Amino acid sequence: AIECGVPVVRCTASGISYVTDGKGAVVGKTELGTRGILVSHLPEREKPTLYLLWGDWFVLVCVIIFVGAFAVKKWWRKTPPQLSDLI
C-alpha cells in the first residue's frame, strides 16, 4: 500500500491490529495477545506517488539505463587503446 500511498487497517483476533498512514507510519496499534478496541483516525491519501503516476514504466526505464550503462562499460574495456590516444 505504501507504493500507492494508501492507508492500511489490519484487524486480527489474536495478533497485532494496526492502522498506518499512506507513508507506512503506524498511527495506532494494539499489542500482541491483548484484547482491546482500536480507535484511530484513518488518514486520507496526500498526493499521488511516483508509482501511481508512472506505474511500471519507471522500473522499466531504470532497467534500460542500467543495462545500457553495463553494456557501454563492457564495450569500453574491450576497445584497445588507439595510437592517437597515447600521443
C-alpha atoms as a PDB file:
ATOM      1  CA  ALA A   1       0.000   0.000   0.000  1.00  0.00           C
ATOM      2  CA  ILE A   2       2.953   2.322   0.525  1.00  0.00           C
ATOM      3  CA  GLU A   3       3.710   2.412  -3.223  1.00  0.00           C
ATOM      4  CA  CYS A   4       0.194   3.769  -3.831  1.00  0.00           C
ATOM      5  CA  GLY A   5       0.114   5.996  -0.733  1.00  0.00           C
ATOM      6  CA  VAL A   6      -2.971   4.273   0.679  1.00  0.00           C
ATOM      7  CA  PRO A   7      -3.572   3.930   4.434  1.00  0.00           C
ATOM      8  CA  VAL A   8      -3.978   0.374   5.781  1.00  0.00           C
ATOM      9  CA  VAL A   9      -6.170  -1.024   8.552  1.00  0.00           C
ATOM     10  CA  ARG A  10      -5.256  -4.540   9.723  1.00  0.00           C
ATOM     11  CA  CYS A  11      -7.614  -6.253  12.150  1.00  0.00           C
ATOM     12  CA  THR A  12      -6.830  -9.578  13.812  1.00  0.00           C
ATOM     13  CA  ALA A  13      -8.496 -11.620  16.545  1.00  0.00           C
ATOM     14  CA  SER A  14      -5.300 -12.747  18.272  1.00  0.00           C
ATOM     15  CA  GLY A  15      -2.435 -10.769  16.796  1.00  0.00           C
ATOM     16  CA  ILE A  16      -1.408  -7.169  16.345  1.00  0.00           C
ATOM     17  CA  SER A  17      -4.037  -4.858  14.849  1.00  0.00           C
ATOM     18  CA  TYR A  18      -2.832  -1.551  13.452  1.00  0.00           C
ATOM     19  CA  VAL A  19      -3.558   1.488  11.309  1.00  0.00           C
ATOM     20  CA  THR A  20      -0.883   3.025   9.063  1.00  0.00           C
ATOM     21  CA  ASP A  21      -0.895   6.198   7.019  1.00  0.00           C
ATOM     22  CA  GLY A  22      -0.017   6.406   3.327  1.00  0.00           C
ATOM     23  CA  LYS A  23       3.712   6.635   4.086  1.00  0.00           C
ATOM     24  CA  GLY A  24       3.755   3.476   6.221  1.00  0.00           C
ATOM     25  CA  ALA A  25       3.971   5.180   9.614  1.00  0.00           C
ATOM     26  CA  VAL A  26       1.949   3.431  12.329  1.00  0.00           C
ATOM     27  CA  VAL A  27      -0.867   5.694  13.513  1.00  0.00           C
ATOM     28  CA  GLY A  28      -2.370   3.293  16.072  1.00  0.00           C
ATOM     29  CA  LYS A  29      -1.915  -0.324  17.166  1.00  0.00           C
ATOM     30  CA  THR A  30      -2.788  -2.974  19.735  1.00  0.00           C
ATOM     31  CA  GLU A  31      -0.191  -5.248  21.290  1.00  0.00           C
ATOM     32  CA  LEU A  32       0.187  -8.979  20.682  1.00  0.00           C
ATOM     33  CA  GLY A  33      -2.009 -11.147  22.900  1.00  0.00           C
ATOM     34  CA  THR A  34      -4.052  -8.310  24.400  1.00  0.00           C
ATOM     35  CA  ARG A  35      -7.737  -7.654  23.952  1.00  0.00           C
ATOM     36  CA  GLY A  36      -8.713  -4.179  23.040  1.00  0.00           C
ATOM     37  CA  ILE A  37     -10.566  -1.781  20.825  1.00  0.00           C
ATOM     38  CA  LEU A  38      -8.520   0.323  18.484  1.00  0.00           C
ATOM     39  CA  VAL A  39      -9.974   3.741  17.753  1.00  0.00           C
ATOM     40  CA  SER A  40      -7.883   5.710  15.310  1.00  0.00           C
ATOM     41  CA  HIS A  41      -8.144   8.373  12.655  1.00  0.00           C
ATOM     42  CA  LEU A  42      -7.866   6.948   9.131  1.00  0.00           C
ATOM     43  CA  PRO A  43      -5.632   9.398   7.249  1.00  0.00           C
ATOM     44  CA  GLU A  44      -6.503  10.467   3.724  1.00  0.00           C
ATOM     45  CA  ARG A  45      -4.206   9.976   0.755  1.00  0.00           C
ATOM     46  CA  GLU A  46      -1.976  13.025   0.477  1.00  0.00           C
ATOM     47  CA  LYS A  47      -0.796  13.166  -3.127  1.00  0.00           C
ATOM     48  CA  PRO A  48      -0.176  10.658  -5.924  1.00  0.00           C
ATOM     49  CA  THR A  49       3.067   8.725  -5.557  1.00  0.00           C
ATOM     50  CA  LEU A  50       5.662   8.259  -8.283  1.00  0.00           C
ATOM     51  CA  TYR A  51       4.439   4.693  -8.748  1.00  0.00           C
ATOM     52  CA  LEU A  52       0.855   5.858  -9.306  1.00  0.00           C
ATOM     53  CA  LEU A  53       1.990   8.465 -11.818  1.00  0.00           C
ATOM     54  CA  TRP A  54       4.468   6.310 -13.777  1.00  0.00           C
ATOM     55  CA  GLY A  55       3.434   2.761 -12.874  1.00  0.00           C
ATOM     56  CA  ASP A  56       5.844   0.085 -14.058  1.00  0.00           C
ATOM     57  CA  TRP A  57       7.340   2.420 -16.685  1.00  0.00           C
ATOM     58  CA  PHE A  58       9.680   3.887 -14.073  1.00  0.00           C
ATOM     59  CA  VAL A  59      11.121   0.442 -13.295  1.00  0.00           C
ATOM     60  CA  LEU A  60      11.464  -0.361 -16.994  1.00  0.00           C
ATOM     61  CA  VAL A  61      13.337   2.888 -17.674  1.00  0.00           C
ATOM     62  CA  CYS A  62      15.686   2.196 -14.731  1.00  0.00           C
ATOM     63  CA  VAL A  63      16.415  -1.319 -16.040  1.00  0.00           C
ATOM     64  CA  ILE A  64      17.112   0.003 -19.546  1.00  0.00           C
ATOM     65  CA  ILE A  65      19.503   2.642 -18.175  1.00  0.00           C
ATOM     66  CA  PHE A  66      21.301   0.049 -16.027  1.00  0.00           C
ATOM     67  CA  VAL A  67      21.658  -2.451 -18.883  1.00  0.00           C
ATOM     68  CA  GLY A  68      22.811   0.315 -21.236  1.00  0.00           C
ATOM     69  CA  ALA A  69      25.426   1.549 -18.760  1.00  0.00           C
ATOM     70  CA  PHE A  70      26.649  -2.026 -18.204  1.00  0.00           C
ATOM     71  CA  ALA A  71      26.911  -2.625 -21.967  1.00  0.00           C
ATOM     72  CA  VAL A  72      28.826   0.632 -22.528  1.00  0.00           C
ATOM     73  CA  LYS A  73      31.210  -0.207 -19.683  1.00  0.00           C
ATOM     74  CA  LYS A  74      31.826  -3.698 -21.071  1.00  0.00           C
ATOM     75  CA  TRP A  75      32.340  -2.357 -24.613  1.00  0.00           C
ATOM     76  CA  TRP A  76      34.639   0.411 -23.342  1.00  0.00           C
ATOM     77  CA  ARG A  77      37.002  -2.116 -21.733  1.00  0.00           C
ATOM     78  CA  LYS A  78      37.218  -4.296 -24.841  1.00  0.00           C
ATOM     79  CA  THR A  79      38.191  -1.434 -27.135  1.00  0.00           C
ATOM     80  CA  PRO A  80      42.004  -1.397 -27.406  1.00  0.00           C
ATOM     81  CA  PRO A  81      43.722   1.951 -26.980  1.00  0.00           C
ATOM     82  CA  GLN A  82      44.487   3.753 -30.225  1.00  0.00           C
ATOM     83  CA  LEU A  83      47.926   5.136 -31.049  1.00  0.00           C
ATOM     84  CA  SER A  84      46.470   8.638 -31.266  1.00  0.00           C
ATOM     85  CA  ASP A  85      45.195   8.307 -27.671  1.00  0.00           C
ATOM     86  CA  LEU A  86      48.696   7.564 -26.392  1.00  0.00           C
ATOM     87  CA  ILE A  87      50.366  10.590 -28.003  1.00  0.00           C
END
